[in-house]
N, C-alpha and C. Protein backbone atom coordinates (compact mmCIF):
# COMPACT_ATOMS: atom_id res chain seq x y z
N MET A 1 18.48 -128.15 -130.63
CA MET A 1 18.22 -128.72 -129.33
C MET A 1 17.65 -127.63 -128.42
N GLU A 2 16.70 -127.99 -127.62
CA GLU A 2 16.03 -127.04 -126.74
C GLU A 2 16.62 -127.07 -125.33
N PHE A 3 16.74 -125.90 -124.73
CA PHE A 3 17.24 -125.78 -123.37
C PHE A 3 16.31 -126.55 -122.42
N PRO A 4 16.87 -127.39 -121.55
CA PRO A 4 16.04 -128.19 -120.63
C PRO A 4 15.53 -127.38 -119.43
N GLU A 5 14.67 -126.43 -119.73
CA GLU A 5 14.16 -125.48 -118.73
C GLU A 5 13.56 -126.17 -117.50
N ALA A 6 12.70 -127.15 -117.73
CA ALA A 6 12.02 -127.81 -116.61
C ALA A 6 13.01 -128.56 -115.72
N VAL A 7 14.00 -129.18 -116.32
CA VAL A 7 15.02 -129.92 -115.56
C VAL A 7 15.82 -128.96 -114.68
N VAL A 8 16.23 -127.86 -115.25
CA VAL A 8 17.03 -126.88 -114.51
C VAL A 8 16.20 -126.24 -113.39
N GLU A 9 14.98 -125.85 -113.70
CA GLU A 9 14.14 -125.23 -112.68
C GLU A 9 13.87 -126.20 -111.53
N ALA A 10 13.59 -127.45 -111.85
CA ALA A 10 13.34 -128.45 -110.80
C ALA A 10 14.58 -128.65 -109.93
N ALA A 11 15.76 -128.67 -110.54
CA ALA A 11 17.00 -128.84 -109.78
C ALA A 11 17.23 -127.65 -108.85
N ILE A 12 16.99 -126.45 -109.33
CA ILE A 12 17.17 -125.25 -108.51
C ILE A 12 16.23 -125.29 -107.31
N ARG A 13 14.96 -125.54 -107.59
CA ARG A 13 13.96 -125.55 -106.51
C ARG A 13 14.24 -126.68 -105.50
N ASP A 14 14.69 -127.81 -105.98
CA ASP A 14 14.99 -128.93 -105.09
C ASP A 14 16.14 -128.58 -104.15
N GLU A 15 17.19 -127.99 -104.69
CA GLU A 15 18.34 -127.61 -103.85
C GLU A 15 17.96 -126.56 -102.81
N ILE A 16 17.14 -125.60 -103.21
CA ILE A 16 16.70 -124.57 -102.25
C ILE A 16 15.85 -125.19 -101.16
N ALA A 17 14.94 -126.08 -101.54
CA ALA A 17 14.07 -126.74 -100.55
C ALA A 17 14.89 -127.60 -99.59
N THR A 18 15.86 -128.31 -100.11
CA THR A 18 16.72 -129.15 -99.27
C THR A 18 17.49 -128.28 -98.28
N ALA A 19 18.03 -127.17 -98.73
CA ALA A 19 18.78 -126.28 -97.86
C ALA A 19 17.87 -125.71 -96.77
N ALA A 20 16.65 -125.36 -97.13
CA ALA A 20 15.73 -124.79 -96.14
C ALA A 20 15.41 -125.80 -95.04
N ARG A 21 15.30 -127.06 -95.39
CA ARG A 21 15.02 -128.10 -94.40
C ARG A 21 16.24 -128.39 -93.52
N ASP A 22 17.43 -128.30 -94.11
CA ASP A 22 18.65 -128.70 -93.41
C ASP A 22 19.30 -127.62 -92.57
N ARG A 23 18.93 -126.36 -92.76
CA ARG A 23 19.61 -125.27 -92.07
C ARG A 23 18.76 -124.72 -90.94
N PRO A 24 19.36 -124.55 -89.78
CA PRO A 24 18.61 -123.97 -88.66
C PRO A 24 18.37 -122.48 -88.90
N PRO A 25 17.34 -121.93 -88.30
CA PRO A 25 17.12 -120.49 -88.45
C PRO A 25 18.24 -119.70 -87.77
N THR A 26 18.45 -118.49 -88.23
CA THR A 26 19.48 -117.65 -87.62
C THR A 26 18.95 -117.08 -86.31
N LYS A 27 19.86 -116.66 -85.44
CA LYS A 27 19.46 -116.07 -84.16
C LYS A 27 18.71 -114.76 -84.37
N SER A 28 19.14 -114.00 -85.35
CA SER A 28 18.47 -112.72 -85.60
C SER A 28 17.17 -112.91 -86.38
N GLY A 29 17.04 -114.07 -87.01
CA GLY A 29 15.84 -114.34 -87.80
C GLY A 29 15.90 -113.80 -89.21
N TRP A 30 17.00 -113.11 -89.57
CA TRP A 30 17.09 -112.56 -90.91
C TRP A 30 18.32 -113.08 -91.62
N ARG A 31 18.14 -113.38 -92.87
CA ARG A 31 19.20 -113.63 -93.83
C ARG A 31 18.52 -113.63 -95.18
N PRO A 32 19.26 -113.51 -96.25
CA PRO A 32 18.58 -113.61 -97.54
C PRO A 32 17.88 -114.96 -97.63
N GLU A 33 16.79 -115.01 -98.33
CA GLU A 33 16.06 -116.27 -98.42
C GLU A 33 16.93 -117.35 -99.04
N VAL A 34 17.78 -116.97 -99.99
CA VAL A 34 18.71 -117.91 -100.62
C VAL A 34 20.11 -117.31 -100.50
N ASP A 35 20.84 -117.69 -99.45
CA ASP A 35 22.15 -117.09 -99.23
C ASP A 35 23.23 -117.73 -100.12
N SER A 36 24.42 -117.14 -100.08
CA SER A 36 25.50 -117.56 -100.97
C SER A 36 25.84 -119.05 -100.90
N PRO A 37 25.95 -119.66 -99.70
CA PRO A 37 26.25 -121.09 -99.67
C PRO A 37 25.18 -121.94 -100.37
N VAL A 38 23.94 -121.52 -100.26
CA VAL A 38 22.85 -122.25 -100.94
C VAL A 38 22.96 -122.05 -102.45
N VAL A 39 23.27 -120.83 -102.87
CA VAL A 39 23.42 -120.57 -104.31
C VAL A 39 24.54 -121.43 -104.89
N ILE A 40 25.61 -121.60 -104.15
CA ILE A 40 26.71 -122.45 -104.63
C ILE A 40 26.22 -123.88 -104.81
N CYS A 41 25.44 -124.39 -103.87
CA CYS A 41 24.88 -125.74 -104.01
C CYS A 41 23.97 -125.83 -105.24
N VAL A 42 23.17 -124.79 -105.44
CA VAL A 42 22.28 -124.74 -106.61
C VAL A 42 23.10 -124.79 -107.89
N ILE A 43 24.14 -123.98 -107.96
CA ILE A 43 24.96 -123.92 -109.17
C ILE A 43 25.65 -125.25 -109.43
N LEU A 44 26.19 -125.86 -108.40
CA LEU A 44 26.84 -127.17 -108.59
C LEU A 44 25.85 -128.20 -109.13
N ARG A 45 24.63 -128.17 -108.62
CA ARG A 45 23.60 -129.10 -109.09
C ARG A 45 23.25 -128.84 -110.54
N VAL A 46 23.05 -127.58 -110.91
CA VAL A 46 22.71 -127.23 -112.29
C VAL A 46 23.85 -127.65 -113.23
N GLU A 47 25.07 -127.38 -112.83
CA GLU A 47 26.22 -127.76 -113.66
C GLU A 47 26.24 -129.26 -113.89
N ALA A 48 25.97 -130.04 -112.85
CA ALA A 48 25.95 -131.50 -112.98
C ALA A 48 24.79 -131.97 -113.84
N GLU A 49 23.65 -131.33 -113.72
CA GLU A 49 22.46 -131.75 -114.46
C GLU A 49 22.60 -131.57 -115.97
N ILE A 50 23.16 -130.41 -116.39
CA ILE A 50 23.16 -130.14 -117.83
C ILE A 50 24.55 -129.93 -118.43
N GLY A 51 25.59 -130.16 -117.65
CA GLY A 51 26.94 -130.13 -118.20
C GLY A 51 27.46 -128.77 -118.63
N ILE A 52 27.13 -127.75 -117.84
CA ILE A 52 27.67 -126.42 -118.13
C ILE A 52 28.52 -125.98 -116.95
N GLU A 53 29.22 -124.86 -117.12
CA GLU A 53 29.99 -124.29 -116.02
C GLU A 53 29.58 -122.83 -115.87
N LEU A 54 28.97 -122.53 -114.74
CA LEU A 54 28.55 -121.16 -114.46
C LEU A 54 29.70 -120.39 -113.82
N PRO A 55 29.84 -119.11 -114.15
CA PRO A 55 30.93 -118.31 -113.58
C PRO A 55 30.64 -117.95 -112.12
N GLU A 56 31.68 -117.58 -111.40
CA GLU A 56 31.53 -117.15 -110.01
C GLU A 56 30.57 -115.98 -109.90
N SER A 57 30.51 -115.16 -110.93
CA SER A 57 29.62 -113.99 -110.90
C SER A 57 28.15 -114.36 -110.87
N ALA A 58 27.83 -115.64 -111.05
CA ALA A 58 26.43 -116.08 -110.94
C ALA A 58 25.96 -116.07 -109.50
N VAL A 59 26.91 -115.96 -108.57
CA VAL A 59 26.57 -115.90 -107.14
C VAL A 59 26.66 -114.45 -106.70
N PRO A 60 25.52 -113.78 -106.54
CA PRO A 60 25.59 -112.39 -106.09
C PRO A 60 26.06 -112.32 -104.63
N PRO A 61 26.81 -111.30 -104.28
CA PRO A 61 27.25 -111.17 -102.89
C PRO A 61 26.04 -111.23 -101.94
N GLY A 62 26.09 -112.15 -100.99
CA GLY A 62 25.00 -112.28 -100.03
C GLY A 62 23.89 -113.20 -100.47
N GLY A 63 23.82 -113.52 -101.74
CA GLY A 63 22.77 -114.42 -102.23
C GLY A 63 21.61 -113.66 -102.85
N PHE A 64 20.44 -114.31 -102.87
CA PHE A 64 19.23 -113.74 -103.46
C PHE A 64 18.22 -113.45 -102.35
N ASP A 65 17.49 -112.36 -102.49
CA ASP A 65 16.50 -111.99 -101.48
C ASP A 65 15.35 -112.98 -101.39
N ASP A 66 15.02 -113.62 -102.52
CA ASP A 66 13.92 -114.59 -102.48
C ASP A 66 14.14 -115.71 -103.49
N VAL A 67 13.35 -116.76 -103.35
CA VAL A 67 13.48 -117.96 -104.18
C VAL A 67 13.27 -117.64 -105.65
N GLU A 68 12.24 -116.87 -105.97
CA GLU A 68 11.95 -116.59 -107.38
C GLU A 68 13.08 -115.83 -108.07
N ALA A 69 13.70 -114.90 -107.34
CA ALA A 69 14.84 -114.17 -107.92
C ALA A 69 15.98 -115.14 -108.21
N CYS A 70 16.21 -116.09 -107.32
CA CYS A 70 17.25 -117.09 -107.53
C CYS A 70 16.91 -117.97 -108.73
N VAL A 71 15.70 -118.48 -108.76
CA VAL A 71 15.29 -119.36 -109.85
C VAL A 71 15.45 -118.65 -111.19
N GLN A 72 14.91 -117.44 -111.29
CA GLN A 72 14.97 -116.72 -112.57
C GLN A 72 16.39 -116.32 -112.93
N GLY A 73 17.18 -115.90 -111.95
CA GLY A 73 18.56 -115.50 -112.22
C GLY A 73 19.42 -116.66 -112.70
N ILE A 74 19.34 -117.78 -112.00
CA ILE A 74 20.15 -118.94 -112.38
C ILE A 74 19.65 -119.55 -113.69
N LEU A 75 18.34 -119.57 -113.88
CA LEU A 75 17.79 -120.06 -115.16
C LEU A 75 18.32 -119.22 -116.32
N ALA A 76 18.27 -117.91 -116.19
CA ALA A 76 18.71 -117.03 -117.28
C ALA A 76 20.19 -117.24 -117.59
N ARG A 77 21.04 -117.30 -116.56
CA ARG A 77 22.47 -117.51 -116.78
C ARG A 77 22.72 -118.87 -117.42
N SER A 78 22.03 -119.89 -116.91
CA SER A 78 22.21 -121.25 -117.42
C SER A 78 21.77 -121.35 -118.88
N ARG A 79 20.63 -120.76 -119.18
CA ARG A 79 20.10 -120.78 -120.55
C ARG A 79 21.10 -120.14 -121.50
N HIS A 80 21.63 -118.99 -121.12
CA HIS A 80 22.58 -118.26 -121.96
C HIS A 80 23.84 -119.09 -122.23
N ILE A 81 24.41 -119.63 -121.17
CA ILE A 81 25.63 -120.42 -121.31
C ILE A 81 25.36 -121.70 -122.09
N TRP A 82 24.26 -122.36 -121.82
CA TRP A 82 23.92 -123.60 -122.51
C TRP A 82 23.75 -123.36 -124.01
N ARG A 83 23.03 -122.29 -124.36
CA ARG A 83 22.83 -121.98 -125.79
C ARG A 83 24.14 -121.65 -126.48
N ARG A 84 24.99 -120.90 -125.79
CA ARG A 84 26.30 -120.57 -126.37
C ARG A 84 27.12 -121.83 -126.61
N MET A 85 27.09 -122.77 -125.66
CA MET A 85 27.82 -124.02 -125.82
C MET A 85 27.27 -124.83 -126.99
N GLN A 86 25.95 -124.86 -127.13
CA GLN A 86 25.34 -125.61 -128.22
C GLN A 86 25.72 -125.00 -129.57
N GLN A 87 25.73 -123.69 -129.64
CA GLN A 87 26.09 -123.02 -130.89
C GLN A 87 27.56 -123.29 -131.24
N GLU A 88 28.41 -123.33 -130.23
CA GLU A 88 29.82 -123.63 -130.48
C GLU A 88 30.00 -125.04 -131.02
N LYS A 89 29.11 -125.93 -130.64
CA LYS A 89 29.14 -127.30 -131.15
C LYS A 89 28.52 -127.39 -132.54
N GLY A 90 27.91 -126.29 -132.98
CA GLY A 90 27.29 -126.27 -134.30
C GLY A 90 25.87 -126.80 -134.31
N GLU A 91 25.24 -126.87 -133.16
CA GLU A 91 23.87 -127.37 -133.09
C GLU A 91 22.87 -126.22 -133.17
N THR A 92 21.69 -126.53 -133.70
CA THR A 92 20.61 -125.55 -133.75
C THR A 92 19.97 -125.51 -132.37
N VAL A 93 19.80 -124.31 -131.82
CA VAL A 93 19.23 -124.18 -130.49
C VAL A 93 17.94 -123.37 -130.56
N SER A 94 17.09 -123.62 -129.57
CA SER A 94 15.85 -122.85 -129.47
C SER A 94 15.63 -122.41 -128.06
């Protein structure tokens, strides 16, 4: 079975875009592009989409500096955990 890369990436990007629309700008104008509360929403969505459980360590303190770092970081963690789960079930993974 192949890791659903496109599904996971779309879910991550959708959650980040939703958060950007729903959150007011900060008074100072600075915060990480994807802060910790947004990363938690992203992780919950990914877990629901593909049935995995990401560890708390998937949320770096303060979040991610930019969207691409978040997408690639969460994709990599999700892919690793998903493949490990598939192997434990005895399925061939790619």
